[in-house]
Structures are given as structure tokens and as C-alpha cells.
N, C-alpha and C. Protein backbone atom coordinates (compact mmCIF):
# COMPACT_ATOMS: atom_id res chain seq x y z
N UNK A 1 -14.69 1.90 27.09
CA UNK A 1 -14.20 3.38 26.60
C UNK A 1 -15.81 3.67 25.94
N UNK A 2 -16.25 5.09 26.75
CA UNK A 2 -17.26 5.14 25.22
C UNK A 2 -17.20 6.05 24.07
N UNK A 3 -17.20 5.95 22.91
CA UNK A 3 -16.84 6.74 21.97
C UNK A 3 -18.98 7.21 20.91
N UNK A 4 -18.27 8.35 20.60
CA UNK A 4 -19.96 8.81 19.97
C UNK A 4 -19.19 9.49 18.65
N UNK A 5 -20.12 8.25 17.76
CA UNK A 5 -20.16 8.84 15.89
C UNK A 5 -21.21 9.39 15.07
N UNK A 6 -20.51 10.13 14.28
CA UNK A 6 -21.96 10.99 13.58
C UNK A 6 -22.04 10.72 12.39
N UNK A 7 -22.99 9.94 11.88
CA UNK A 7 -22.40 9.80 10.28
C UNK A 7 -23.52 10.52 9.64
N UNK A 8 -23.31 10.29 8.17
CA UNK A 8 -24.98 10.55 6.96
C UNK A 8 -24.57 9.49 5.64
N UNK A 9 -25.35 9.92 5.57
CA UNK A 9 -25.70 8.95 4.50
C UNK A 9 -25.63 9.39 3.24
N UNK A 10 -25.20 8.72 2.28
CA UNK A 10 -24.13 9.73 0.94
C UNK A 10 -25.83 9.91 -0.07
N UNK A 11 -27.12 10.82 0.74
CA UNK A 11 -27.70 11.02 -0.27
C UNK A 11 -27.51 11.31 -1.62
N UNK A 12 -26.40 12.74 -1.85
CA UNK A 12 -26.45 13.28 -2.57
C UNK A 12 -25.55 12.02 -4.23
N UNK A 13 -25.24 10.91 -3.14
CA UNK A 13 -24.46 10.07 -4.55
C UNK A 13 -24.81 9.03 -4.38
N UNK A 14 -26.16 8.86 -3.80
CA UNK A 14 -26.70 7.62 -4.30
C UNK A 14 -28.43 7.78 -4.54
N UNK A 15 -29.30 7.34 -5.16
CA UNK A 15 -30.25 7.54 -5.43
C UNK A 15 -31.21 7.15 -4.03
N UNK A 16 -32.44 7.26 -3.51
CA UNK A 16 -33.25 6.72 -2.76
C UNK A 16 -33.13 5.10 -2.50
N UNK A 17 -33.51 4.86 -3.83
CA UNK A 17 -33.80 3.30 -4.58
C UNK A 17 -32.46 2.73 -4.06
N UNK A 18 -31.04 3.00 -3.93
CA UNK A 18 -30.44 2.14 -3.81
C UNK A 18 -30.31 2.18 -2.26
N UNK A 19 -30.95 2.43 -1.64
CA UNK A 19 -31.56 2.04 0.16
C UNK A 19 -32.42 0.92 -0.20
N UNK A 20 -32.27 -0.42 -0.27
CA UNK A 20 -33.08 -1.21 -0.50
C UNK A 20 -33.77 -2.01 1.04
N UNK A 21 -34.79 -2.46 0.95
CA UNK A 21 -35.10 -3.13 1.37
C UNK A 21 -34.63 -4.17 1.89
N UNK A 22 -33.49 -4.81 1.34
CA UNK A 22 -32.84 -5.66 1.77
C UNK A 22 -31.49 -5.89 2.21
N UNK A 23 -31.31 -4.36 1.74
CA UNK A 23 -29.88 -3.78 2.58
C UNK A 23 -30.42 -2.59 4.04
N UNK A 24 -31.31 -2.87 3.61
CA UNK A 24 -31.68 -1.55 5.62
C UNK A 24 -32.00 -3.17 6.26
N UNK A 25 -32.73 -4.45 5.55
CA UNK A 25 -32.67 -5.54 6.63
C UNK A 25 -31.01 -6.15 7.07
N UNK A 26 -30.69 -5.97 6.28
CA UNK A 26 -29.38 -6.26 7.16
C UNK A 26 -28.40 -5.41 7.47
N UNK A 27 -28.84 -4.22 7.58
CA UNK A 27 -28.27 -3.11 8.27
C UNK A 27 -28.62 -3.08 9.66
N UNK A 28 -30.33 -3.56 10.07
CA UNK A 28 -30.72 -3.62 11.08
C UNK A 28 -30.46 -4.64 11.69
N UNK A 29 -30.18 -6.18 11.18
CA UNK A 29 -29.67 -7.14 11.72
C UNK A 29 -28.58 -6.65 12.27
N UNK A 30 -27.18 -6.36 11.63
CA UNK A 30 -26.04 -6.15 12.59
C UNK A 30 -26.53 -5.40 13.55
N UNK A 31 -26.98 -4.11 13.04
CA UNK A 31 -27.02 -3.06 14.29
C UNK A 31 -27.30 -4.07 15.55
N UNK A 32 -28.34 -4.72 15.66
CA UNK A 32 -28.96 -5.74 16.59
C UNK A 32 -28.04 -6.31 17.18
N UNK A 33 -26.99 -7.03 16.03
CA UNK A 33 -26.27 -8.05 16.77
C UNK A 33 -24.79 -7.20 17.29
N UNK A 34 -24.96 -6.01 17.19
CA UNK A 34 -23.95 -4.94 17.83
C UNK A 34 -24.45 -5.14 19.00
N UNK A 35 -25.72 -4.41 19.10
CA UNK A 35 -26.39 -4.26 20.81
C UNK A 35 -26.53 -4.90 21.78
N UNK A 36 -26.87 -6.57 20.78
CA UNK A 36 -26.42 -7.43 21.75
C UNK A 36 -25.59 -8.04 22.71
N UNK A 37 -24.45 -7.54 22.06
CA UNK A 37 -22.70 -7.68 21.65
C UNK A 37 -22.42 -6.70 22.94
N UNK A 38 -22.99 -5.44 22.67
CA UNK A 38 -22.89 -4.73 24.11
C UNK A 38 -21.94 -3.93 23.58
N UNK A 39 -22.01 -3.71 22.39
CA UNK A 39 -20.75 -2.42 21.67
C UNK A 39 -21.44 -1.09 20.81
N UNK A 40 -22.65 -1.88 20.57
CA UNK A 40 -23.67 -0.20 20.41
C UNK A 40 -24.53 -0.36 21.51
N UNK A 41 -24.59 0.95 22.07
CA UNK A 41 -25.24 1.03 23.32
C UNK A 41 -26.65 1.44 23.47
N UNK A 42 -26.84 3.17 22.16
CA UNK A 42 -27.36 3.33 21.92
C UNK A 42 -27.36 4.30 20.85
N UNK A 43 -29.01 4.64 20.00
CA UNK A 43 -28.52 4.85 18.49
C UNK A 43 -29.31 5.27 17.93
N UNK A 44 -29.33 7.10 17.24
CA UNK A 44 -30.78 7.42 16.74
C UNK A 44 -30.62 8.32 15.64
N UNK A 45 -31.58 8.78 15.00
CA UNK A 45 -31.44 8.76 13.80
C UNK A 45 -31.28 10.29 13.67
N UNK A 46 -30.83 10.44 12.90
CA UNK A 46 -30.25 12.15 12.48
C UNK A 46 -31.76 13.21 12.27
N UNK A 47 -32.11 14.05 12.93
CA UNK A 47 -32.89 14.79 12.54
C UNK A 47 -32.81 16.11 11.57
N UNK A 48 -31.69 16.16 10.98
CA UNK A 48 -31.41 17.19 10.73
C UNK A 48 -30.92 17.03 8.65
N UNK A 49 -30.52 15.63 8.89
CA UNK A 49 -30.27 14.94 7.53
C UNK A 49 -30.18 13.40 7.60
N UNK A 50 -30.30 12.81 6.61
CA UNK A 50 -30.06 11.11 7.05
C UNK A 50 -29.11 11.12 7.66
N UNK A 51 -28.95 9.72 8.90
CA UNK A 51 -27.53 9.47 8.98
C UNK A 51 -28.04 9.10 10.12
N UNK A 52 -27.31 8.62 11.37
CA UNK A 52 -27.29 8.29 12.92
C UNK A 52 -26.48 9.16 13.59
N UNK A 53 -26.89 8.90 15.05
CA UNK A 53 -25.44 9.24 16.19
C UNK A 53 -25.81 7.74 16.91
N UNK A 54 -24.43 7.46 17.31
CA UNK A 54 -24.51 5.91 18.05
C UNK A 54 -23.41 6.23 18.51
N UNK A 55 -23.99 5.67 20.02
CA UNK A 55 -22.89 5.92 21.64
C UNK A 55 -22.28 4.36 21.20
N UNK A 56 -21.25 4.04 21.24
CA UNK A 56 -20.08 2.74 21.23
C UNK A 56 -19.46 2.81 22.50
N UNK A 57 -19.50 2.05 23.35
CA UNK A 57 -18.84 0.90 24.16
C UNK A 57 -17.52 -0.19 23.65
N UNK A 58 -15.92 0.56 24.17
CA UNK A 58 -15.32 -0.18 23.02
C UNK A 58 -14.17 -0.10 24.11
N UNK A 59 -13.41 -0.88 24.35
CA UNK A 59 -11.88 -1.02 24.42
C UNK A 59 -10.93 0.31 23.95
N UNK A 60 -11.45 0.35 22.51
CA UNK A 60 -10.57 1.32 21.22
C UNK A 60 -11.21 1.61 20.43
N UNK A 61 -10.18 2.83 19.70
CA UNK A 61 -11.24 3.74 18.86
C UNK A 61 -11.21 2.59 17.48
N UNK A 62 -10.07 1.82 17.76
CA UNK A 62 -10.09 0.82 16.27
C UNK A 62 -10.97 -0.29 16.53
N UNK A 63 -11.78 -0.77 17.19
CA UNK A 63 -12.99 -1.52 17.66
C UNK A 63 -13.68 -1.16 17.55
N UNK A 64 -14.29 -0.09 17.41
CA UNK A 64 -15.18 0.97 17.52
C UNK A 64 -15.42 1.38 15.33
N UNK A 65 -14.32 1.14 15.01
CA UNK A 65 -14.21 1.28 13.72
C UNK A 65 -14.33 0.07 12.41
N UNK A 66 -13.99 -0.53 13.24
CA UNK A 66 -14.57 -2.30 12.99
C UNK A 66 -16.24 -2.25 12.77
N UNK A 67 -16.65 -1.76 14.23
CA UNK A 67 -17.84 -2.44 14.41
C UNK A 67 -18.38 -1.06 12.95
N UNK A 68 -17.61 -0.56 12.91
CA UNK A 68 -18.71 0.63 12.21
C UNK A 68 -19.06 -0.11 10.46
N UNK A 69 -16.97 -0.32 10.41
CA UNK A 69 -16.69 -1.38 9.13
C UNK A 69 -18.11 -2.04 8.77
N UNK A 70 -18.55 -2.94 9.87
CA UNK A 70 -19.21 -4.06 9.50
C UNK A 70 -20.66 -3.65 9.37
N UNK A 71 -20.89 -2.51 9.14
CA UNK A 71 -22.20 -2.54 8.90
C UNK A 71 -22.09 -2.32 7.69
N UNK A 72 -23.58 -2.86 7.09
CA UNK A 72 -23.90 -3.37 5.35
C UNK A 72 -23.59 -1.75 4.60
N UNK A 73 -24.14 -0.77 4.95
CA UNK A 73 -24.39 -0.03 4.40
C UNK A 73 -22.93 1.24 3.90
N UNK A 74 -22.40 1.00 5.30
CA UNK A 74 -20.93 1.58 5.59
C UNK A 74 -20.04 0.53 3.99
N UNK A 75 -20.29 -0.55 4.38
CA UNK A 75 -20.00 -1.90 3.16
C UNK A 75 -19.94 -1.37 1.67
N UNK A 76 -20.98 -1.20 1.87
CA UNK A 76 -21.84 -0.71 0.38
C UNK A 76 -21.17 1.04 -0.16
N UNK A 77 -19.98 1.52 0.79
CA UNK A 77 -19.54 2.90 0.66
C UNK A 77 -21.22 4.26 0.45
N UNK A 78 -21.67 3.61 1.13
CA UNK A 78 -23.00 4.82 1.07
C UNK A 78 -23.27 5.56 2.78
N UNK A 79 -21.81 5.31 3.68
CA UNK A 79 -22.03 5.86 4.45
C UNK A 79 -20.77 6.88 4.92
N UNK A 80 -21.04 7.72 5.00
CA UNK A 80 -19.57 9.06 5.57
C UNK A 80 -19.94 8.89 6.92
N UNK A 81 -18.54 9.05 8.25
CA UNK A 81 -18.36 9.03 9.06
C UNK A 81 -17.90 10.47 9.26
N UNK A 82 -19.00 11.27 9.70
CA UNK A 82 -18.99 13.04 9.93
C UNK A 82 -17.78 12.51 11.41
N UNK A 83 -18.24 12.31 12.59
CA UNK A 83 -16.74 12.41 13.38
C UNK A 83 -17.19 11.22 14.34
N UNK A 84 -15.96 10.90 15.15
CA UNK A 84 -15.30 10.05 15.47
C UNK A 84 -15.08 9.94 16.67
N UNK A 85 -16.01 10.51 18.05
CA UNK A 85 -15.69 10.97 19.52
C UNK A 85 -15.21 10.31 20.59
N UNK A 86 -13.78 10.23 21.57
CA UNK A 86 -13.87 9.33 22.71
C UNK A 86 -14.52 10.50 23.52
N UNK A 87 -15.06 9.59 24.83
CA UNK A 87 -15.63 10.49 25.44
C UNK A 87 -15.14 10.00 26.78
N UNK A 88 -15.15 11.51 27.43
CA UNK A 88 -14.54 10.91 29.42
C UNK A 88 -15.56 11.59 29.89
N UNK A 89 -15.89 11.28 31.14
CA UNK A 89 -16.72 11.20 32.30
C UNK A 89 -17.12 12.35 32.59
N UNK A 90 -17.34 13.14 32.70
CA UNK A 90 -18.27 14.52 33.13
C UNK A 90 -17.58 14.76 34.34
N UNK A 91 -16.27 15.90 34.99
CA UNK A 91 -15.54 15.49 36.32
C UNK A 91 -16.86 15.86 37.20
N UNK A 92 -17.57 16.79 36.84
CA UNK A 92 -18.76 17.46 37.75
C UNK A 92 -19.46 17.45 38.57
N UNK A 93 -19.80 15.51 37.94
CA UNK A 93 -20.61 14.41 38.95
C UNK A 93 -20.02 13.83 39.83
N UNK A 94 -18.04 14.14 39.55
CA UNK A 94 -17.90 13.08 40.69
C UNK A 94 -17.44 13.60 42.11
N UNK A 95 -16.76 13.44 43.17
CA UNK A 95 -16.78 13.43 44.48
C UNK A 95 -16.51 15.14 44.56
N UNK A 96 -16.38 16.10 45.54
CA UNK A 96 -16.03 17.41 45.21
C UNK A 96 -14.47 17.14 46.16
N UNK A 97 -13.47 18.03 45.55
CA UNK A 97 -12.10 17.60 46.26
C UNK A 97 -11.98 19.16 47.19
């Protein structure tokens, strides 16, 4: 099943220097691991504020939440999950009944 998450960095609580190069390198490494595992399918930076939109592939919402919890920025308390939405196929692309 696929899920869509929308997150935002808590820049109102953490200054820019809190997002250190080391933390960002750890985040990038973990994202690459999740992508290689097939859990993280697509990733976009948000255009309206610091944060991301991620398309996940997982058997359950709990698996997605565990993957999000493994992200270093989330572990540091610097990331808020605004929405986590299960996705269903659009029926208009299926056979006409």
C-alpha cells in the first residue's frame, strides 16, 4: 500500500545552524537506505516552507511511522508530520463496468 506524508521542519523552534551538515548528511544517508529498500518511493522538497512530501510503500501505516521515526531530523525532534494519508488507486483508470 502507498502512503503520502507531508512534513515540516520546526524552524520556528530550531535556528538554521541546528540543521548541521553532519545532521543533514545523516538524514541523506537514511533517506537513501529507505529508497534502496523500496520503502521510500519518491521525495519532494516543499515549495512553501522547509519540509518534504514523501510517497511511501509499506504494508501498514505502522511501518511508515517506523520509517519516519528512523529519520535523524525526526529523531532530533526537529520535524513535524503534518499529514500521513493512505492512498488508494483512482478507480477511473480501471475497467469500465
